[in-house]
C-alpha cells in the first residue's frame, strides 16, 4: 500500500500553493494597476484632446471676434468719413448762404443809398422848381401890376377926352398890353404855370382861317427865342400884343399895341393857322398870340421868358382872322 505524503511534503505543498497564490495575487494586482494606468492614460489623452478642442474653439472664436472688430471698425470709419463729408458740405452751404445774404444786404444797401440820393436829388429839383415858380410868379405879378397901372392911365386919358381918335393909336403904341399874359384881372390866365403850361387841354387843329395863314405863322416862328420885353414891338424884344402887331404889319394890317384894342379888329376866326387867339379874364382881354392851326400858339409869355410855341390852354376868349 502506498503511503501518503509526509507532513513535510504537505507543508512544502502548502507553502508552494501559498506562494503560487501570492504570485497570482501579485500578478492580478499588477494587471489591475496596468489597466488602471491605461485607463488613466486614456482619460488624460481624452482630457488633452478635449482641452485641445476647446483651445481650437477659443482660437477660432477669438479670430472671429477680431474679424468682426475689424469690420465694425471699418464701418465706424466709413460712417465717420461720411459724417465729416456731410459736415463739410453743410458748412460750405452755410458759407454760400451767408455770402449770398451778405451780397443781398450789400445790394439792398446800395439800392437804398441810390434811392436816398434820388430822393435828395428830387427834393433839390423840387426846391429849385418851387424857387423858379416863385420867381416867375413874382415876375408875372410885377407885369400885371405894370399892366394895371397902364390900363388905369389909359382909362383916365380916355375919360378926360385928352386924346383924339388918331392919337389913341399913337398912345396905344406907346402903352403896351393893358392886361398882359398872366395879368391880375382874375381871369383864367392866372392858372398859367411858371413854365408857360397850364395843365389844360390842347385845342384841336381848326379848319378855315386866313389865306395867308402859313405866311403869318412863318413870320411868327421867325421871332421864336426873342426875349420878352414889356412894351416891346421889335425883334429886339416883344410883349404879347407887340408880337401880334409886328407880325400883322408884315401883311398890311395896322394894329394898336394893346391886346384889348386888337380884339376889336378882324373877323371871327376858328383858331386856324394865322388867326390871333385871345384870352380874357375879369371882363377884358389879358393876352394874345398867333395860332399855328395845329393846336398851338406862338406868343410872348411874360418877363423872363422868350417868344415860344406851346399848346393852346383853356380860357380862350375868341379867335380873330386879321388878313
C-alpha atoms as a PDB file:
ATOM      1  CA  UNK A   1       0.000   0.000   0.000  1.00  0.00           C
ATOM      2  CA  UNK A   2       1.197   3.360  -0.919  1.00  0.00           C
ATOM      3  CA  UNK A   3       1.960   5.748   1.765  1.00  0.00           C
ATOM      4  CA  UNK A   4       0.724   9.280   1.807  1.00  0.00           C
ATOM      5  CA  UNK A   5       2.835  12.415   1.698  1.00  0.00           C
ATOM      6  CA  UNK A   6       4.577  13.260   4.687  1.00  0.00           C
ATOM      7  CA  UNK A   7       3.984  16.238   6.811  1.00  0.00           C
ATOM      8  CA  UNK A   8       6.991  17.882   5.342  1.00  0.00           C
ATOM      9  CA  UNK A   9       5.741  17.275   1.888  1.00  0.00           C
ATOM     10  CA  UNK A  10       2.328  18.559   2.800  1.00  0.00           C
ATOM     11  CA  UNK A  11       3.891  21.579   4.386  1.00  0.00           C
ATOM     12  CA  UNK A  12       6.037  22.104   1.299  1.00  0.00           C
ATOM     13  CA  UNK A  13       2.976  21.684  -0.945  1.00  0.00           C
ATOM     14  CA  UNK A  14       1.023  24.110   1.151  1.00  0.00           C
ATOM     15  CA  UNK A  15       3.928  26.563   1.049  1.00  0.00           C
ATOM     16  CA  UNK A  16       4.194  26.196  -2.725  1.00  0.00           C
ATOM     17  CA  UNK A  17       0.443  26.681  -3.098  1.00  0.00           C
ATOM     18  CA  UNK A  18       0.553  29.715  -0.869  1.00  0.00           C
ATOM     19  CA  UNK A  19       3.459  31.149  -2.858  1.00  0.00           C
ATOM     20  CA  UNK A  20       1.615  30.479  -6.105  1.00  0.00           C
ATOM     21  CA  UNK A  21      -1.476  32.184  -4.718  1.00  0.00           C
ATOM     22  CA  UNK A  22       0.566  35.171  -3.632  1.00  0.00           C
ATOM     23  CA  UNK A  23       2.202  35.285  -7.018  1.00  0.00           C
ATOM     24  CA  UNK A  24      -1.190  35.149  -8.673  1.00  0.00           C
ATOM     25  CA  UNK A  25      -2.425  37.891  -6.442  1.00  0.00           C
ATOM     26  CA  UNK A  26       0.647  39.967  -7.277  1.00  0.00           C
ATOM     27  CA  UNK A  27       0.146  39.401 -11.000  1.00  0.00           C
ATOM     28  CA  UNK A  28      -3.525  40.262 -10.615  1.00  0.00           C
ATOM     29  CA  UNK A  29      -2.566  43.435  -8.742  1.00  0.00           C
ATOM     30  CA  UNK A  30      -0.028  44.346 -11.430  1.00  0.00           C
ATOM     31  CA  UNK A  31      -2.590  43.691 -14.167  1.00  0.00           C
ATOM     32  CA  UNK A  32      -5.133  45.855 -12.372  1.00  0.00           C
ATOM     33  CA  UNK A  33      -2.542  48.582 -11.929  1.00  0.00           C
ATOM     34  CA  UNK A  34      -1.654  48.340 -15.585  1.00  0.00           C
ATOM     35  CA  UNK A  35      -5.317  48.548 -16.547  1.00  0.00           C
ATOM     36  CA  UNK A  36      -5.823  51.493 -14.255  1.00  0.00           C
ATOM     37  CA  UNK A  37      -2.755  53.190 -15.727  1.00  0.00           C
ATOM     38  CA  UNK A  38      -4.020  52.552 -19.199  1.00  0.00           C
ATOM     39  CA  UNK A  39      -7.431  53.917 -18.238  1.00  0.00           C
ATOM     40  CA  UNK A  40      -5.787  56.993 -16.663  1.00  0.00           C
ATOM     41  CA  UNK A  41      -3.641  57.488 -19.743  1.00  0.00           C
ATOM     42  CA  UNK A  42      -6.731  57.202 -21.927  1.00  0.00           C
ATOM     43  CA  UNK A  43      -8.546  59.637 -19.659  1.00  0.00           C
ATOM     44  CA  UNK A  44      -5.611  62.008 -19.770  1.00  0.00           C
ATOM     45  CA  UNK A  45      -5.497  61.718 -23.549  1.00  0.00           C
ATOM     46  CA  UNK A  46      -9.225  62.411 -23.715  1.00  0.00           C
ATOM     47  CA  UNK A  47      -8.845  65.418 -21.432  1.00  0.00           C
ATOM     48  CA  UNK A  48      -5.947  66.644 -23.520  1.00  0.00           C
ATOM     49  CA  UNK A  49      -7.955  66.152 -26.690  1.00  0.00           C
ATOM     50  CA  UNK A  50     -10.923  67.975 -25.169  1.00  0.00           C
ATOM     51  CA  UNK A  51      -8.663  70.781 -23.988  1.00  0.00           C
ATOM     52  CA  UNK A  52      -7.131  70.983 -27.452  1.00  0.00           C
ATOM     53  CA  UNK A  53     -10.593  71.166 -28.968  1.00  0.00           C
ATOM     54  CA  UNK A  54     -11.583  73.875 -26.544  1.00  0.00           C
ATOM     55  CA  UNK A  55      -8.382  75.794 -27.287  1.00  0.00           C
ATOM     56  CA  UNK A  56      -9.048  75.489 -31.001  1.00  0.00           C
ATOM     57  CA  UNK A  57     -12.615  76.703 -30.468  1.00  0.00           C
ATOM     58  CA  UNK A  58     -11.343  79.594 -28.371  1.00  0.00           C
ATOM     59  CA  UNK A  59      -8.780  80.471 -31.010  1.00  0.00           C
ATOM     60  CA  UNK A  60     -11.474  80.361 -33.690  1.00  0.00           C
ATOM     61  CA  UNK A  61     -13.783  82.469 -31.558  1.00  0.00           C
ATOM     62  CA  UNK A  62     -11.000  84.985 -30.960  1.00  0.00           C
ATOM     63  CA  UNK A  63     -10.238  85.102 -34.676  1.00  0.00           C
ATOM     64  CA  UNK A  64     -13.930  85.617 -35.452  1.00  0.00           C
ATOM     65  CA  UNK A  65     -14.154  88.336 -32.816  1.00  0.00           C
ATOM     66  CA  UNK A  66     -11.073  90.013 -34.249  1.00  0.00           C
ATOM     67  CA  UNK A  67     -12.536  89.866 -37.765  1.00  0.00           C
ATOM     68  CA  UNK A  68     -15.827  91.306 -36.531  1.00  0.00           C
ATOM     69  CA  UNK A  69     -13.936  94.033 -34.673  1.00  0.00           C
ATOM     70  CA  UNK A  70     -12.049  94.910 -37.861  1.00  0.00           C
ATOM     71  CA  UNK A  71     -15.284  95.017 -39.851  1.00  0.00           C
ATOM     72  CA  UNK A  72     -17.002  97.103 -37.179  1.00  0.00           C
ATOM     73  CA  UNK A  73     -14.044  99.482 -37.116  1.00  0.00           C
ATOM     74  CA  UNK A  74     -14.233  99.778 -40.914  1.00  0.00           C
ATOM     75  CA  UNK A  75     -17.964 100.525 -40.702  1.00  0.00           C
ATOM     76  CA  UNK A  76     -17.348 103.109 -37.999  1.00  0.00           C
ATOM     77  CA  UNK A  77     -14.559 104.672 -40.070  1.00  0.00           C
ATOM     78  CA  UNK A  78     -16.805 104.856 -43.112  1.00  0.00           C
ATOM     79  CA  UNK A  79     -19.597 106.412 -41.037  1.00  0.00           C
ATOM     80  CA  UNK A  80     -17.143 108.919 -39.553  1.00  0.00           C
ATOM     81  CA  UNK A  81     -15.863 109.850 -43.006  1.00  0.00           C
ATOM     82  CA  UNK A  82     -19.421 110.188 -44.308  1.00  0.00           C
ATOM     83  CA  UNK A  83     -20.364 112.370 -41.325  1.00  0.00           C
ATOM     84  CA  UNK A  84     -17.273 114.512 -41.891  1.00  0.00           C
ATOM     85  CA  UNK A  85     -18.164 114.919 -45.576  1.00  0.00           C
ATOM     86  CA  UNK A  86     -21.752 115.869 -44.683  1.00  0.00           C
ATOM     87  CA  UNK A  87     -20.478 118.361 -42.112  1.00  0.00           C
ATOM     88  CA  UNK A  88     -18.104 119.872 -44.662  1.00  0.00           C
ATOM     89  CA  UNK A  89     -20.942 120.124 -47.204  1.00  0.00           C
ATOM     90  CA  UNK A  90     -23.213 121.722 -44.608  1.00  0.00           C
ATOM     91  CA  UNK A  91     -20.527 124.229 -43.667  1.00  0.00           C
ATOM     92  CA  UNK A  92     -19.916 125.021 -47.338  1.00  0.00           C
ATOM     93  CA  UNK A  93     -23.658 125.503 -47.934  1.00  0.00           C
ATOM     94  CA  UNK A  94     -23.892 127.726 -44.843  1.00  0.00           C
ATOM     95  CA  UNK A  95     -20.932 129.764 -46.089  1.00  0.00           C
ATOM     96  CA  UNK A  96     -22.567 130.117 -49.520  1.00  0.00           C
ATOM     97  CA  UNK A  97     -25.845 131.186 -47.918  1.00  0.00           C
ATOM     98  CA  UNK A  98     -24.032 133.712 -45.757  1.00  0.00           C
ATOM     99  CA  UNK A  99     -22.175 135.048 -48.788  1.00  0.00           C
ATOM    100  CA  UNK A 100     -25.479 135.336 -50.680  1.00  0.00           C
ATOM    101  CA  UNK A 101     -27.073 137.078 -47.686  1.00  0.00           C
ATOM    102  CA  UNK A 102     -24.120 139.466 -47.444  1.00  0.00           C
ATOM    103  CA  UNK A 103     -24.365 140.163 -51.182  1.00  0.00           C
ATOM    104  CA  UNK A 104     -28.108 140.760 -50.932  1.00  0.00           C
ATOM    105  CA  UNK A 105     -27.568 143.066 -47.945  1.00  0.00           C
ATOM    106  CA  UNK A 106     -24.891 144.966 -49.856  1.00  0.00           C
ATOM    107  CA  UNK A 107     -27.159 145.291 -52.890  1.00  0.00           C
ATOM    108  CA  UNK A 108     -30.053 146.404 -50.699  1.00  0.00           C
ATOM    109  CA  UNK A 109     -27.806 148.963 -49.030  1.00  0.00           C
ATOM    110  CA  UNK A 110     -26.667 150.180 -52.456  1.00  0.00           C
ATOM    111  CA  UNK A 111     -30.285 150.379 -53.649  1.00  0.00           C
ATOM    112  CA  UNK A 112     -31.247 152.277 -50.504  1.00  0.00           C
ATOM    113  CA  UNK A 113     -28.334 154.642 -50.964  1.00  0.00           C
ATOM    114  CA  UNK A 114     -29.344 155.182 -54.596  1.00  0.00           C
ATOM    115  CA  UNK A 115     -32.953 155.740 -53.516  1.00  0.00           C
ATOM    116  CA  UNK A 116     -31.841 158.208 -50.851  1.00  0.00           C
ATOM    117  CA  UNK A 117     -29.681 160.013 -53.400  1.00  0.00           C
ATOM    118  CA  UNK A 118     -32.553 160.058 -55.897  1.00  0.00           C
ATOM    119  CA  UNK A 119     -34.877 161.395 -53.188  1.00  0.00           C
ATOM    120  CA  UNK A 120     -32.328 164.059 -52.287  1.00  0.00           C
ATOM    121  CA  UNK A 121     -31.939 164.978 -55.962  1.00  0.00           C
ATOM    122  CA  UNK A 122     -35.716 165.086 -56.383  1.00  0.00           C
ATOM    123  CA  UNK A 123     -36.057 167.252 -53.288  1.00  0.00           C
ATOM    124  CA  UNK A 124     -33.390 169.603 -54.627  1.00  0.00           C
ATOM    125  CA  UNK A 125     -35.115 169.664 -58.029  1.00  0.00           C
ATOM    126  CA  UNK A 126     -38.483 170.329 -56.374  1.00  0.00           C
ATOM    127  CA  UNK A 127     -36.977 173.140 -54.337  1.00  0.00           C
ATOM    128  CA  UNK A 128     -35.361 174.615 -57.442  1.00  0.00           C
ATOM    129  CA  UNK A 129     -38.669 174.322 -59.318  1.00  0.00           C
ATOM    130  CA  UNK A 130     -40.512 175.996 -56.444  1.00  0.00           C
ATOM    131  CA  UNK A 131     -37.952 178.792 -56.366  1.00  0.00           C
ATOM    132  CA  UNK A 132     -38.220 179.197 -60.144  1.00  0.00           C
ATOM    133  CA  UNK A 133     -42.022 179.161 -59.901  1.00  0.00           C
ATOM    134  CA  UNK A 134     -41.898 181.784 -57.170  1.00  0.00           C
ATOM    135  CA  UNK A 135     -39.578 183.930 -59.313  1.00  0.00           C
ATOM    136  CA  UNK A 136     -41.848 183.525 -62.359  1.00  0.00           C
ATOM    137  CA  UNK A 137     -44.916 184.334 -60.273  1.00  0.00           C
ATOM    138  CA  UNK A 138     -43.200 187.435 -58.920  1.00  0.00           C
ATOM    139  CA  UNK A 139     -42.345 188.469 -62.476  1.00  0.00           C
ATOM    140  CA  UNK A 140     -45.947 187.892 -63.591  1.00  0.00           C
ATOM    141  CA  UNK A 141     -47.257 189.827 -60.594  1.00  0.00           C
ATOM    142  CA  UNK A 142     -44.896 192.694 -61.468  1.00  0.00           C
ATOM    143  CA  UNK A 143     -46.009 192.644 -65.100  1.00  0.00           C
ATOM    144  CA  UNK A 144     -49.657 192.527 -64.010  1.00  0.00           C
ATOM    145  CA  UNK A 145     -49.160 195.487 -61.722  1.00  0.00           C
ATOM    146  CA  UNK A 146     -47.496 197.454 -64.518  1.00  0.00           C
ATOM    147  CA  UNK A 147     -50.293 196.446 -66.926  1.00  0.00           C
ATOM    148  CA  UNK A 148     -52.952 197.505 -64.422  1.00  0.00           C
ATOM    149  CA  UNK A 149     -51.245 200.862 -63.978  1.00  0.00           C
ATOM    150  CA  UNK A 150     -51.074 201.330 -67.744  1.00  0.00           C
ATOM    151  CA  UNK A 151     -54.755 200.365 -68.097  1.00  0.00           C
ATOM    152  CA  UNK A 152     -55.767 202.822 -65.378  1.00  0.00           C
ATOM    153  CA  UNK A 153     -53.782 205.556 -67.110  1.00  0.00           C
ATOM    154  CA  UNK A 154     -55.393 204.760 -70.470  1.00  0.00           C
ATOM    155  CA  UNK A 155     -58.866 204.824 -68.920  1.00  0.00           C
ATOM    156  CA  UNK A 156     -58.154 208.142 -67.276  1.00  0.00           C
ATOM    157  CA  UNK A 157     -56.887 209.602 -70.521  1.00  0.00           C
ATOM    158  CA  UNK A 158     -59.962 208.392 -72.418  1.00  0.00           C
ATOM    159  CA  UNK A 159     -62.384 209.716 -69.765  1.00  0.00           C
ATOM    160  CA  UNK A 160     -60.757 213.142 -69.771  1.00  0.00           C
ATOM    161  CA  UNK A 161     -61.024 213.332 -73.563  1.00  0.00           C
ATOM    162  CA  UNK A 162     -57.405 214.378 -73.812  1.00  0.00           C
ATOM    163  CA  UNK A 163     -56.643 212.463 -76.983  1.00  0.00           C
ATOM    164  CA  UNK A 164     -58.218 212.245 -80.411  1.00  0.00           C
ATOM    165  CA  UNK A 165     -59.067 209.037 -82.254  1.00  0.00           C
ATOM    166  CA  UNK A 166     -55.873 209.388 -84.282  1.00  0.00           C
ATOM    167  CA  UNK A 167     -53.748 209.986 -81.202  1.00  0.00           C
ATOM    168  CA  UNK A 168     -55.245 206.924 -79.462  1.00  0.00           C
ATOM    169  CA  UNK A 169     -53.404 204.726 -81.942  1.00  0.00           C
ATOM    170  CA  UNK A 170     -50.160 206.502 -81.077  1.00  0.00           C
ATOM    171  CA  UNK A 171     -50.929 206.231 -77.375  1.00  0.00           C
ATOM    172  CA  UNK A 172     -51.754 202.541 -77.775  1.00  0.00           C
ATOM    173  CA  UNK A 173     -48.403 202.033 -79.491  1.00  0.00           C
ATOM    174  CA  UNK A 174     -46.596 203.653 -76.582  1.00  0.00           C
ATOM    175  CA  UNK A 175     -48.604 201.808 -73.928  1.00  0.00           C
ATOM    176  CA  UNK A 176     -48.383 198.044 -74.500  1.00  0.00           C
ATOM    177  CA  UNK A 177     -50.876 195.412 -73.341  1.00  0.00           C
ATOM    178  CA  UNK A 178     -53.117 196.873 -70.691  1.00  0.00           C
ATOM    179  CA  UNK A 179     -53.553 193.453 -69.110  1.00  0.00           C
ATOM    180  CA  UNK A 180     -50.775 191.104 -70.134  1.00  0.00           C
ATOM    181  CA  UNK A 181     -50.405 187.304 -70.133  1.00  0.00           C
ATOM    182  CA  UNK A 182     -50.804 186.136 -66.563  1.00  0.00           C
ATOM    183  CA  UNK A 183     -52.258 189.541 -65.526  1.00  0.00           C
ATOM    184  CA  UNK A 184     -54.105 190.459 -62.323  1.00  0.00           C
ATOM    185  CA  UNK A 185     -57.612 190.594 -63.842  1.00  0.00           C
ATOM    186  CA  UNK A 186     -58.695 187.457 -62.009  1.00  0.00           C
ATOM    187  CA  UNK A 187     -59.351 185.565 -65.263  1.00  0.00           C
ATOM    188  CA  UNK A 188     -58.268 182.059 -66.115  1.00  0.00           C
ATOM    189  CA  UNK A 189     -54.821 183.297 -67.195  1.00  0.00           C
ATOM    190  CA  UNK A 190     -53.783 183.291 -63.533  1.00  0.00           C
ATOM    191  CA  UNK A 191     -53.773 179.470 -63.761  1.00  0.00           C
ATOM    192  CA  UNK A 192     -50.810 179.568 -66.134  1.00  0.00           C
ATOM    193  CA  UNK A 193     -47.826 177.663 -64.727  1.00  0.00           C
ATOM    194  CA  UNK A 194     -44.389 179.278 -64.390  1.00  0.00           C
ATOM    195  CA  UNK A 195     -43.093 177.270 -67.321  1.00  0.00           C
ATOM    196  CA  UNK A 196     -45.905 178.559 -69.551  1.00  0.00           C
ATOM    197  CA  UNK A 197     -48.051 175.422 -69.327  1.00  0.00           C
ATOM    198  CA  UNK A 198     -51.496 175.420 -67.698  1.00  0.00           C
ATOM    199  CA  UNK A 199     -52.324 171.745 -67.424  1.00  0.00           C
ATOM    200  CA  UNK A 200     -55.388 172.445 -69.610  1.00  0.00           C
ATOM    201  CA  UNK A 201     -56.366 170.576 -72.730  1.00  0.00           C
ATOM    202  CA  UNK A 202     -54.726 171.474 -76.039  1.00  0.00           C
ATOM    203  CA  UNK A 203     -57.162 172.747 -78.642  1.00  0.00           C
ATOM    204  CA  UNK A 204     -57.834 170.554 -81.668  1.00  0.00           C
ATOM    205  CA  UNK A 205     -56.483 171.807 -85.040  1.00  0.00           C
ATOM    206  CA  UNK A 206     -59.232 174.013 -86.629  1.00  0.00           C
ATOM    207  CA  UNK A 207     -60.205 174.460 -90.260  1.00  0.00           C
ATOM    208  CA  UNK A 208     -60.635 177.589 -92.393  1.00  0.00           C
ATOM    209  CA  UNK A 209     -58.760 180.794 -91.490  1.00  0.00           C
ATOM    210  CA  UNK A 210     -56.670 183.277 -93.452  1.00  0.00           C
ATOM    211  CA  UNK A 211     -55.344 182.517 -96.925  1.00  0.00           C
ATOM    212  CA  UNK A 212     -52.049 183.929 -95.631  1.00  0.00           C
ATOM    213  CA  UNK A 213     -52.121 181.700 -92.561  1.00  0.00           C
ATOM    214  CA  UNK A 214     -48.958 179.814 -93.407  1.00  0.00           C
ATOM    215  CA  UNK A 215     -47.055 183.032 -94.041  1.00  0.00           C
ATOM    216  CA  UNK A 216     -48.309 184.580 -90.798  1.00  0.00           C
ATOM    217  CA  UNK A 217     -47.221 181.517 -88.834  1.00  0.00           C
ATOM    218  CA  UNK A 218     -43.844 181.614 -90.562  1.00  0.00           C
ATOM    219  CA  UNK A 219     -43.395 185.274 -89.676  1.00  0.00           C
ATOM    220  CA  UNK A 220     -44.240 184.492 -86.056  1.00  0.00           C
ATOM    221  CA  UNK A 221     -41.908 181.495 -85.993  1.00  0.00           C
ATOM    222  CA  UNK A 222     -39.088 183.757 -87.189  1.00  0.00           C
ATOM    223  CA  UNK A 223     -39.303 185.533 -83.812  1.00  0.00           C
ATOM    224  CA  UNK A 224     -39.007 182.381 -81.672  1.00  0.00           C
ATOM    225  CA  UNK A 225     -36.419 182.912 -78.949  1.00  0.00           C
ATOM    226  CA  UNK A 226     -36.712 186.731 -78.892  1.00  0.00           C
ATOM    227  CA  UNK A 227     -36.824 187.822 -75.224  1.00  0.00           C
ATOM    228  CA  UNK A 228     -39.954 189.239 -73.634  1.00  0.00           C
ATOM    229  CA  UNK A 229     -39.692 192.992 -73.167  1.00  0.00           C
ATOM    230  CA  UNK A 230     -42.555 194.926 -71.644  1.00  0.00           C
ATOM    231  CA  UNK A 231     -43.725 197.441 -74.264  1.00  0.00           C
ATOM    232  CA  UNK A 232     -41.525 195.786 -76.919  1.00  0.00           C
ATOM    233  CA  UNK A 233     -42.685 195.530 -80.533  1.00  0.00           C
ATOM    234  CA  UNK A 234     -39.479 194.735 -82.436  1.00  0.00           C
ATOM    235  CA  UNK A 235     -37.130 191.762 -82.905  1.00  0.00           C
ATOM    236  CA  UNK A 236     -35.043 193.125 -80.027  1.00  0.00           C
ATOM    237  CA  UNK A 237     -37.911 192.308 -77.666  1.00  0.00           C
ATOM    238  CA  UNK A 238     -41.690 191.734 -77.657  1.00  0.00           C
ATOM    239  CA  UNK A 239     -44.633 191.673 -75.339  1.00  0.00           C
ATOM    240  CA  UNK A 240     -47.728 189.723 -76.436  1.00  0.00           C
ATOM    241  CA  UNK A 241     -49.593 192.412 -78.405  1.00  0.00           C
ATOM    242  CA  UNK A 242     -46.295 193.815 -79.686  1.00  0.00           C
ATOM    243  CA  UNK A 243     -45.526 190.462 -81.347  1.00  0.00           C
ATOM    244  CA  UNK A 244     -49.022 190.293 -82.915  1.00  0.00           C
ATOM    245  CA  UNK A 245     -48.749 193.912 -84.126  1.00  0.00           C
ATOM    246  CA  UNK A 246     -45.282 193.289 -85.622  1.00  0.00           C
ATOM    247  CA  UNK A 247     -46.339 190.092 -87.452  1.00  0.00           C
ATOM    248  CA  UNK A 248     -49.611 191.522 -88.846  1.00  0.00           C
ATOM    249  CA  UNK A 249     -47.856 194.698 -90.053  1.00  0.00           C
ATOM    250  CA  UNK A 250     -45.892 192.480 -92.467  1.00  0.00           C
ATOM    251  CA  UNK A 251     -49.224 191.612 -94.142  1.00  0.00           C
ATOM    252  CA  UNK A 252     -50.560 195.196 -94.365  1.00  0.00           C
ATOM    253  CA  UNK A 253     -52.598 195.139 -91.152  1.00  0.00           C
ATOM    254  CA  UNK A 254     -52.037 198.061 -88.769  1.00  0.00           C
ATOM    255  CA  UNK A 255     -52.975 197.180 -85.215  1.00  0.00           C
ATOM    256  CA  UNK A 256     -52.710 199.128 -81.964  1.00  0.00           C
ATOM    257  CA  UNK A 257     -50.156 197.976 -79.404  1.00  0.00           C
ATOM    258  CA  UNK A 258     -52.808 196.700 -76.998  1.00  0.00           C
ATOM    259  CA  UNK A 259     -54.416 193.260 -76.733  1.00  0.00           C
ATOM    260  CA  UNK A 260     -57.813 194.649 -75.678  1.00  0.00           C
ATOM    261  CA  UNK A 261     -57.851 197.046 -78.618  1.00  0.00           C
ATOM    262  CA  UNK A 262     -56.630 194.361 -81.073  1.00  0.00           C
ATOM    263  CA  UNK A 263     -59.620 192.207 -80.128  1.00  0.00           C
ATOM    264  CA  UNK A 264     -61.813 194.788 -81.885  1.00  0.00           C
ATOM    265  CA  UNK A 265     -60.124 194.184 -85.251  1.00  0.00           C
ATOM    266  CA  UNK A 266     -60.607 191.486 -87.880  1.00  0.00           C
ATOM    267  CA  UNK A 267     -63.401 188.951 -88.238  1.00  0.00           C
ATOM    268  CA  UNK A 268     -64.307 185.952 -86.047  1.00  0.00           C
ATOM    269  CA  UNK A 269     -61.862 183.106 -86.588  1.00  0.00           C
ATOM    270  CA  UNK A 270     -61.610 179.435 -85.629  1.00  0.00           C
ATOM    271  CA  UNK A 271     -58.024 179.092 -84.436  1.00  0.00           C
ATOM    272  CA  UNK A 272     -56.750 178.210 -87.929  1.00  0.00           C
ATOM    273  CA  UNK A 273     -53.192 178.977 -88.977  1.00  0.00           C
ATOM    274  CA  UNK A 274     -52.581 182.744 -88.818  1.00  0.00           C
ATOM    275  CA  UNK A 275     -55.578 183.560 -86.602  1.00  0.00           C
ATOM    276  CA  UNK A 276     -54.969 185.611 -83.471  1.00  0.00           C
ATOM    277  CA  UNK A 277     -56.056 183.798 -80.301  1.00  0.00           C
ATOM    278  CA  UNK A 278     -57.183 185.922 -77.330  1.00  0.00           C
ATOM    279  CA  UNK A 279     -57.539 185.059 -73.658  1.00  0.00           C
ATOM    280  CA  UNK A 280     -59.723 187.014 -71.317  1.00  0.00           C
ATOM    281  CA  UNK A 281     -60.439 187.448 -67.656  1.00  0.00           C
ATOM    282  CA  UNK A 282     -62.124 189.934 -65.363  1.00  0.00           C
ATOM    283  CA  UNK A 283     -64.236 191.315 -68.193  1.00  0.00           C
ATOM    284  CA  UNK A 284     -61.325 192.138 -70.502  1.00  0.00           C
ATOM    285  CA  UNK A 285     -58.652 190.695 -72.799  1.00  0.00           C
ATOM    286  CA  UNK A 286     -55.499 189.688 -70.924  1.00  0.00           C
ATOM    287  CA  UNK A 287     -53.269 188.007 -73.519  1.00  0.00           C
ATOM    288  CA  UNK A 288     -52.965 187.049 -77.206  1.00  0.00           C
ATOM    289  CA  UNK A 289     -50.740 185.262 -79.711  1.00  0.00           C
ATOM    290  CA  UNK A 290     -50.590 183.751 -83.214  1.00  0.00           C
ATOM    291  CA  UNK A 291     -52.396 180.374 -83.690  1.00  0.00           C
ATOM    292  CA  UNK A 292     -50.485 177.795 -85.773  1.00  0.00           C
ATOM    293  CA  UNK A 293     -53.557 175.763 -86.756  1.00  0.00           C
ATOM    294  CA  UNK A 294     -52.099 172.688 -85.021  1.00  0.00           C
ATOM    295  CA  UNK A 295     -53.485 173.370 -81.566  1.00  0.00           C
ATOM    296  CA  UNK A 296     -50.507 175.521 -80.538  1.00  0.00           C
ATOM    297  CA  UNK A 297     -49.836 179.253 -80.229  1.00  0.00           C
ATOM    298  CA  UNK A 298     -46.714 181.390 -80.773  1.00  0.00           C
ATOM    299  CA  UNK A 299     -46.644 184.148 -78.170  1.00  0.00           C
ATOM    300  CA  UNK A 300     -44.508 186.276 -75.820  1.00  0.00           C
ATOM    301  CA  UNK A 301     -45.458 184.937 -72.356  1.00  0.00           C
ATOM    302  CA  UNK A 302     -44.152 187.190 -69.554  1.00  0.00           C
ATOM    303  CA  UNK A 303     -40.954 188.827 -68.238  1.00  0.00           C
ATOM    304  CA  UNK A 304     -38.008 186.451 -68.003  1.00  0.00           C
ATOM    305  CA  UNK A 305     -39.196 184.273 -70.921  1.00  0.00           C
ATOM    306  CA  UNK A 306     -38.809 184.318 -74.708  1.00  0.00           C
ATOM    307  CA  UNK A 307     -41.174 184.051 -77.657  1.00  0.00           C
ATOM    308  CA  UNK A 308     -42.140 180.396 -77.799  1.00  0.00           C
ATOM    309  CA  UNK A 309     -44.677 177.905 -79.155  1.00  0.00           C
ATOM    310  CA  UNK A 310     -46.855 175.832 -76.835  1.00  0.00           C
ATOM    311  CA  UNK A 311     -50.285 174.220 -76.625  1.00  0.00           C
ATOM    312  CA  UNK A 312     -53.346 176.482 -76.502  1.00  0.00           C
ATOM    313  CA  UNK A 313     -54.725 176.306 -72.951  1.00  0.00           C
ATOM    314  CA  UNK A 314     -58.189 176.946 -71.542  1.00  0.00           C
ATOM    315  CA  UNK A 315     -59.748 180.364 -71.063  1.00  0.00           C
ATOM    316  CA  UNK A 316     -59.758 181.382 -74.757  1.00  0.00           C
ATOM    317  CA  UNK A 317     -61.963 184.465 -75.257  1.00  0.00           C
ATOM    318  CA  UNK A 318     -62.029 184.110 -79.016  1.00  0.00           C
ATOM    319  CA  UNK A 319     -60.122 183.984 -82.334  1.00  0.00           C
ATOM    320  CA  UNK A 320     -59.803 186.734 -84.923  1.00  0.00           C
ATOM    321  CA  UNK A 321     -58.760 186.473 -88.600  1.00  0.00           C
ATOM    322  CA  UNK A 322     -56.906 189.693 -89.338  1.00  0.00           C
ATOM    323  CA  UNK A 323     -55.959 189.124 -93.005  1.00  0.00           C
END
